[in-house]
Protein backbone atom coordinates (compact mmCIF):
# COMPACT_ATOMS: atom_id res chain seq x y z
CA MET A 1 -4.61 -40.90 -36.10
CA ASN A 2 -7.63 -38.88 -34.92
CA ARG A 3 -10.77 -39.88 -33.10
CA ASN A 4 -13.85 -37.86 -32.25
CA LYS A 5 -14.93 -37.52 -28.62
CA GLU A 6 -18.00 -39.66 -29.39
CA ASP A 7 -15.70 -42.64 -30.06
CA ARG A 8 -14.11 -42.59 -26.60
CA ASN A 9 -14.06 -45.84 -24.70
CA VAL A 10 -12.27 -46.54 -21.42
CA THR A 11 -10.75 -50.01 -21.73
CA GLY A 12 -9.38 -51.51 -18.53
CA GLN A 13 -8.70 -49.57 -15.37
CA PRO A 14 -5.03 -48.70 -14.94
CA LYS A 15 -4.20 -46.57 -11.91
CA ILE A 16 -3.37 -43.04 -12.99
CA GLY A 17 -1.01 -40.50 -11.43
CA PHE A 18 -0.94 -36.80 -12.29
CA VAL A 19 1.89 -34.41 -11.40
CA GLY A 20 1.20 -30.70 -11.93
CA VAL A 21 -2.47 -29.77 -11.47
CA GLY A 22 -2.20 -26.07 -12.30
CA TYR A 23 -3.94 -24.05 -15.02
CA MET A 24 -4.00 -26.88 -17.57
CA GLY A 25 -3.50 -29.88 -15.30
CA HIS A 26 -6.55 -29.28 -13.12
CA GLY A 27 -9.01 -29.66 -16.00
CA MET A 28 -7.14 -32.65 -17.43
CA ALA A 29 -7.10 -34.43 -14.06
CA LYS A 30 -10.77 -33.60 -13.48
CA ASN A 31 -11.71 -35.22 -16.77
CA ILE A 32 -9.65 -38.33 -15.99
CA LEU A 33 -11.69 -38.66 -12.82
CA LYS A 34 -14.89 -38.19 -14.81
CA GLY A 35 -13.69 -41.00 -17.07
CA GLY A 36 -13.90 -43.36 -14.10
CA TYR A 37 -10.21 -43.78 -13.35
CA ASP A 38 -8.58 -44.15 -9.93
CA LEU A 39 -6.47 -40.97 -9.77
CA MET A 40 -3.56 -39.97 -7.53
CA ILE A 41 -2.30 -36.39 -7.76
CA LYS A 42 0.79 -34.44 -6.72
CA GLY A 43 0.42 -30.68 -6.62
CA ASN A 44 2.69 -27.75 -5.88
CA ARG A 45 2.35 -24.85 -3.47
CA ASN A 46 -1.09 -23.82 -4.74
CA ARG A 47 -3.51 -25.89 -2.66
CA ALA A 48 -6.72 -24.77 -4.38
CA PRO A 49 -6.59 -27.19 -7.37
CA VAL A 50 -5.42 -30.04 -5.14
CA GLU A 51 -8.32 -29.53 -2.76
CA SER A 52 -10.72 -29.20 -5.69
CA LEU A 53 -9.62 -32.56 -7.12
CA THR A 54 -9.52 -34.41 -3.80
CA ALA A 55 -13.10 -33.24 -3.23
CA MET A 56 -13.97 -34.97 -6.52
CA GLY A 57 -12.38 -38.23 -5.42
CA ALA A 58 -8.68 -37.95 -6.28
CA ARG A 59 -6.10 -39.10 -3.72
CA GLU A 60 -3.13 -36.88 -2.93
CA ALA A 61 0.24 -38.60 -2.98
CA ALA A 62 2.55 -37.86 -0.07
CA SER A 63 5.55 -38.24 -2.41
CA LEU A 64 6.53 -38.99 -5.98
CA SER A 65 7.88 -42.35 -4.86
CA GLU A 66 4.44 -43.30 -3.51
CA MET A 67 2.84 -42.35 -6.82
CA ALA A 68 5.49 -44.17 -8.88
CA ALA A 69 5.01 -47.38 -6.92
CA ALA A 70 1.20 -47.26 -7.03
CA CYS A 71 0.43 -46.11 -10.56
CA ASP A 72 0.49 -47.68 -14.02
CA ILE A 73 0.44 -44.40 -15.98
CA VAL A 74 1.74 -41.06 -14.68
CA PHE A 75 0.91 -37.80 -16.46
CA LEU A 76 3.18 -34.77 -16.11
CA CYS A 77 1.98 -31.22 -16.77
CA LEU A 78 4.89 -29.02 -15.72
CA SER A 79 6.56 -25.77 -16.78
CA ASN A 80 9.80 -26.92 -18.40
CA SER A 81 12.22 -29.75 -19.10
CA PRO A 82 14.34 -29.31 -15.93
CA GLN A 83 11.20 -29.87 -13.84
CA VAL A 84 10.32 -32.96 -15.88
CA GLU A 85 13.87 -34.29 -15.52
CA ALA A 86 13.73 -33.81 -11.74
CA VAL A 87 10.46 -35.74 -11.46
CA VAL A 88 11.68 -38.59 -13.65
CA ARG A 89 15.32 -38.84 -12.53
CA GLY A 90 15.21 -37.69 -8.91
CA GLU A 91 15.95 -39.96 -5.96
CA ASP A 92 12.27 -39.76 -5.04
CA GLY A 93 11.28 -39.89 -8.72
CA LEU A 94 9.66 -42.17 -11.24
CA ILE A 95 12.62 -44.17 -12.56
CA ALA A 96 13.95 -44.98 -9.11
CA ASN A 97 10.60 -46.00 -7.67
CA GLY A 98 8.38 -47.08 -10.56
CA LYS A 99 7.51 -50.67 -11.40
CA PRO A 100 8.26 -52.33 -14.76
CA GLY A 101 5.72 -51.31 -17.37
CA LEU A 102 5.16 -47.82 -15.93
CA ILE A 103 4.20 -45.33 -18.65
CA VAL A 104 5.16 -41.66 -18.19
CA VAL A 105 3.09 -39.26 -20.31
CA ASP A 106 4.67 -35.80 -20.49
CA THR A 107 2.23 -33.09 -21.58
CA THR A 108 4.71 -30.29 -20.82
CA THR A 109 5.97 -28.15 -23.69
CA ALA A 110 9.47 -29.56 -23.41
CA ASN A 111 12.81 -29.84 -25.17
CA PRO A 112 12.62 -32.97 -27.38
CA VAL A 113 16.34 -33.61 -26.90
CA SER A 114 15.61 -34.04 -23.18
CA THR A 115 12.48 -36.10 -23.93
CA GLU A 116 14.39 -38.59 -26.07
CA ALA A 117 17.12 -38.94 -23.42
CA LEU A 118 14.53 -39.62 -20.71
CA ALA A 119 12.83 -42.18 -22.96
CA THR A 120 16.10 -44.10 -23.30
CA GLU A 121 16.62 -44.10 -19.53
CA LEU A 122 13.07 -45.29 -18.86
CA GLU A 123 13.33 -48.00 -21.50
CA ALA A 124 16.43 -49.37 -19.77
CA ARG A 125 14.22 -50.00 -16.70
CA ASP A 126 11.39 -51.54 -18.74
CA MET A 127 9.34 -48.34 -18.50
CA HIS A 128 7.98 -46.18 -21.30
CA MET A 129 7.90 -42.49 -22.26
CA VAL A 130 5.09 -40.77 -24.15
CA ASP A 131 5.14 -37.10 -25.11
CA ALA A 132 1.68 -35.57 -25.50
CA PRO A 133 1.94 -31.76 -25.47
CA LEU A 134 -1.21 -29.70 -25.59
CA GLY A 135 -2.96 -27.35 -27.93
CA ARG A 136 -5.57 -24.80 -26.77
CA THR A 137 -6.14 -23.22 -23.36
CA PRO A 138 -7.25 -23.89 -19.75
CA LYS A 139 -10.85 -23.38 -20.91
CA GLU A 140 -10.58 -26.42 -23.20
CA ALA A 141 -8.70 -28.34 -20.49
CA GLU A 142 -11.72 -27.94 -18.19
CA ALA A 143 -14.08 -28.89 -21.03
CA GLY A 144 -12.03 -31.95 -22.01
CA THR A 145 -11.47 -30.69 -25.56
CA LEU A 146 -7.73 -30.07 -25.73
CA ASP A 147 -5.62 -31.04 -28.74
CA ALA A 148 -3.00 -33.71 -28.03
CA MET A 149 0.10 -34.20 -30.19
CA VAL A 150 1.49 -37.61 -29.28
CA GLY A 151 4.85 -39.27 -29.71
CA ALA A 152 4.96 -42.93 -28.66
CA ALA A 153 5.56 -46.49 -29.79
CA PRO A 154 2.32 -47.77 -31.37
CA GLU A 155 1.54 -50.33 -28.67
CA VAL A 156 2.23 -47.82 -25.88
CA PHE A 157 0.03 -45.25 -27.62
CA GLU A 158 -2.85 -47.73 -27.67
CA SER A 159 -2.40 -48.28 -23.92
CA VAL A 160 -2.63 -44.59 -23.02
CA ARG A 161 -5.10 -43.48 -25.69
CA PRO A 162 -8.28 -44.13 -23.66
CA VAL A 163 -6.97 -41.97 -20.81
CA ILE A 164 -5.83 -39.16 -23.12
CA ASP A 165 -9.29 -39.28 -24.69
CA CYS A 166 -10.74 -38.20 -21.33
CA TRP A 167 -9.25 -34.72 -21.69
CA ALA A 168 -8.64 -34.34 -25.44
CA GLY A 169 -11.07 -33.56 -28.24
CA SER A 170 -8.46 -34.27 -30.91
CA VAL A 171 -5.59 -36.76 -30.62
CA THR A 172 -2.90 -37.11 -33.29
CA HIS A 173 -0.26 -39.84 -33.07
CA LEU A 174 2.67 -38.26 -34.89
CA GLY A 175 5.28 -41.00 -34.57
CA PRO A 176 7.87 -42.20 -32.05
CA VAL A 177 8.76 -40.60 -28.74
CA GLY A 178 9.80 -36.97 -29.25
CA ALA A 179 7.54 -36.35 -32.25
CA GLY A 180 4.85 -34.70 -30.14
CA HIS A 181 7.23 -32.23 -28.52
CA LYS A 182 8.80 -31.45 -31.89
CA MET A 183 5.40 -30.68 -33.39
CA LYS A 184 4.43 -28.54 -30.41
CA LEU A 185 7.61 -26.49 -30.81
CA VAL A 186 6.89 -25.96 -34.51
CA MET A 187 3.43 -24.75 -33.50
CA ASN A 188 4.79 -22.46 -30.78
CA PHE A 189 7.43 -21.12 -33.17
CA LEU A 190 4.55 -19.88 -35.30
CA GLY A 191 2.65 -18.55 -32.28
CA THR A 192 5.59 -16.62 -30.82
CA GLY A 193 6.39 -15.42 -34.33
CA TYR A 194 2.89 -14.01 -34.72
CA ALA A 195 3.19 -12.32 -31.33
CA ALA A 196 6.49 -10.66 -32.22
CA LEU A 197 5.28 -9.56 -35.66
CA TYR A 198 2.03 -8.15 -34.29
CA ALA A 199 3.93 -6.27 -31.57
CA GLU A 200 6.09 -4.51 -34.14
CA ALA A 201 3.19 -3.97 -36.53
CA PHE A 202 1.04 -2.17 -33.94
CA THR A 203 4.03 -0.06 -32.89
CA MET A 204 4.80 0.75 -36.51
CA GLY A 205 1.18 1.72 -37.13
CA ALA A 206 1.13 4.03 -34.10
CA LYS A 207 4.45 5.64 -35.08
CA VAL A 208 3.07 6.58 -38.50
CA GLY A 209 -0.29 7.79 -37.20
CA LEU A 210 -2.50 4.68 -37.46
CA ALA A 211 -4.41 3.92 -34.26
CA PRO A 212 -4.26 0.30 -33.06
CA GLN A 213 -8.03 0.01 -33.63
CA LEU A 214 -7.58 0.84 -37.31
CA VAL A 215 -4.87 -1.78 -37.70
CA ARG A 216 -7.15 -4.35 -36.05
CA GLU A 217 -10.10 -3.43 -38.24
CA VAL A 218 -8.20 -3.82 -41.49
CA ILE A 219 -6.02 -6.83 -40.66
CA GLY A 220 -8.73 -8.69 -38.72
CA GLY A 221 -11.10 -8.49 -41.66
CA SER A 222 -8.52 -9.65 -44.18
CA ARG A 223 -7.03 -13.04 -45.05
CA MET A 224 -4.39 -12.36 -42.38
CA GLY A 225 -6.95 -12.38 -39.59
CA CYS A 226 -7.08 -15.47 -37.34
CA GLY A 227 -8.05 -16.59 -33.86
CA PHE A 228 -4.60 -15.73 -32.48
CA PHE A 229 -4.88 -12.18 -33.89
CA GLU A 230 -8.37 -11.85 -32.40
CA THR A 231 -7.34 -12.68 -28.82
CA TYR A 232 -4.06 -10.78 -29.13
CA THR A 233 -5.88 -7.60 -30.16
CA GLN A 234 -8.39 -7.93 -27.34
CA TRP A 235 -5.50 -6.88 -25.14
CA VAL A 236 -3.92 -4.36 -27.50
CA CYS A 237 -7.15 -2.54 -28.37
CA ASP A 238 -9.54 -3.39 -25.54
CA ARG A 239 -7.06 -3.85 -22.67
CA ASN A 240 -8.69 -7.18 -21.79
CA ARG A 241 -5.97 -8.77 -19.69
CA GLU A 242 -7.57 -12.23 -19.64
CA ALA A 243 -8.11 -12.58 -23.40
CA HIS A 244 -4.82 -14.36 -24.14
CA VAL A 245 -3.41 -15.88 -20.95
CA PHE A 246 0.10 -17.15 -21.69
CA SER A 247 3.08 -15.60 -19.95
CA LEU A 248 6.09 -14.06 -21.64
CA ASP A 249 8.24 -16.28 -19.41
CA ASN A 250 6.61 -19.39 -20.90
CA ALA A 251 6.77 -18.02 -24.42
CA ALA A 252 10.46 -17.20 -23.99
CA LYS A 253 11.09 -20.73 -22.70
CA ASP A 254 9.27 -22.26 -25.68
CA ILE A 255 11.05 -20.23 -28.36
CA GLY A 256 14.33 -21.02 -26.59
CA TYR A 257 13.54 -24.72 -26.99
CA VAL A 258 12.71 -24.09 -30.64
CA CYS A 259 16.18 -22.66 -31.15
CA LEU A 260 17.79 -25.61 -29.33
CA MET A 261 15.85 -28.04 -31.52
CA ALA A 262 16.98 -26.21 -34.64
CA GLN A 263 20.58 -26.25 -33.43
CA ALA A 264 20.38 -29.99 -32.71
CA ALA A 265 19.05 -30.52 -36.24
CA GLY A 266 21.99 -28.59 -37.72
CA MET A 267 19.84 -25.98 -39.46
CA ALA A 268 20.14 -22.22 -39.85
CA ASN A 269 17.31 -20.55 -37.91
CA PRO A 270 17.47 -16.77 -38.42
CA MET A 271 13.76 -16.19 -37.81
CA SER A 272 13.43 -18.18 -34.57
CA ALA A 273 16.66 -16.64 -33.24
CA THR A 274 15.26 -13.15 -33.84
CA ILE A 275 11.95 -14.05 -32.20
CA ARG A 276 13.78 -15.46 -29.19
CA ASN A 277 15.58 -12.16 -28.74
CA ALA A 278 12.30 -10.22 -28.84
CA PHE A 279 10.96 -12.24 -25.90
CA ALA A 280 14.30 -12.31 -24.09
CA SER A 281 14.37 -8.51 -24.18
CA ALA A 282 10.98 -8.26 -22.45
CA VAL A 283 11.82 -10.92 -19.86
CA ALA A 284 15.20 -9.33 -19.10
CA GLN A 285 13.38 -6.11 -18.25
CA GLY A 286 11.15 -7.80 -15.70
CA LYS A 287 8.11 -8.37 -17.91
CA GLY A 288 8.08 -12.18 -17.73
CA ALA A 289 4.81 -12.40 -15.80
CA ASP A 290 3.01 -10.31 -18.43
CA TYR A 291 0.95 -12.15 -21.04
CA MET A 292 1.94 -12.68 -24.64
CA PRO A 293 -0.01 -9.76 -26.22
CA MET A 294 1.70 -7.40 -23.78
CA LEU A 295 4.86 -7.84 -25.83
CA ALA A 296 3.31 -5.13 -27.99
CA ASP A 297 3.50 -2.68 -25.07
CA HIS A 298 7.14 -3.59 -24.52
CA VAL A 299 8.07 -3.01 -28.18
CA ALA A 300 6.11 0.25 -28.18
CA ALA A 301 7.94 1.44 -25.08
CA LEU A 302 11.29 0.70 -26.75
CA ASN A 303 10.14 3.14 -29.42
CA GLY A 304 9.02 5.85 -27.00
CA LEU A 305 5.30 5.07 -27.20
CA ASP A 306 2.62 4.21 -24.65
CA LEU A 307 0.42 1.82 -26.59
CA GLY A 308 -2.46 2.20 -24.13
CA ALA A 309 -2.37 5.94 -24.67
CA GLU A 310 -2.39 5.38 -28.44
CA VAL A 311 -5.55 3.30 -28.05
CA GLU A 312 -7.18 6.11 -26.05
CA LYS A 313 -6.19 8.64 -28.70
CA GLY A 314 -7.81 6.43 -31.31
CA ARG A 315 -11.08 6.53 -29.36
CA SER A 316 -11.21 10.33 -29.29
């Protein structure tokens, strides 16, 4: 089910909580406020986004238990499943302190096995789980034009849809709880796969005498060119650090979840296992804070090349 932004309509005024107002969460929370909702937020150590949102009218929760007791819908935008589990299951968390009917909407890229387990635990307390992972970047989060891939019971989806519409330009209801996180992992399998292939391709080109710029020119203008290739090569060829902001730590986490999902499904997954190892190698060598296109520099270094130097040679 998809709906254009022009069709958005806030129906009713549930009280909204938002946990995790970082790169993506800040824009999402801002747009919930713009949608006219009463918003309570819970940040982390970075005070800047919290102060930005409170200046717009959000209230800061002193604790998760305060938020759970006060809110009808709580959005989570965190880094991984263990963080989500702590927020939902903790002594100060949502299950222990929420009221019947509470809806938890997890926008984290998470392990669907964990998501389904949390949904069962919430359901036992007359609460509901929705998974709504995100497509696109912080730029679209600020603009309110993210893609949302949603897993939820139909009646629960209808309850949260108006709020999701505040920050999403495209909303797809994929099926029951867990379906959104499964779809997101399929998407990120492809994305991490592209990143690993491109890293080896640029290294291979340089090893045989083809400058990275030449590889970009030919591939980018062919049927194999795409938006991901364009932003990836803005780092490789132009050294634009901000062109493709997604850390190797996060990518490694996501492809690890892909492999766990495949294992849980009982399938052979030779490609995703290989991709996981490519990212694990970079993270193990202290490169986790680097961004995804920088995997190309790591693969080049394993082959005795300085990819930045190869770019400079190509300019001469």
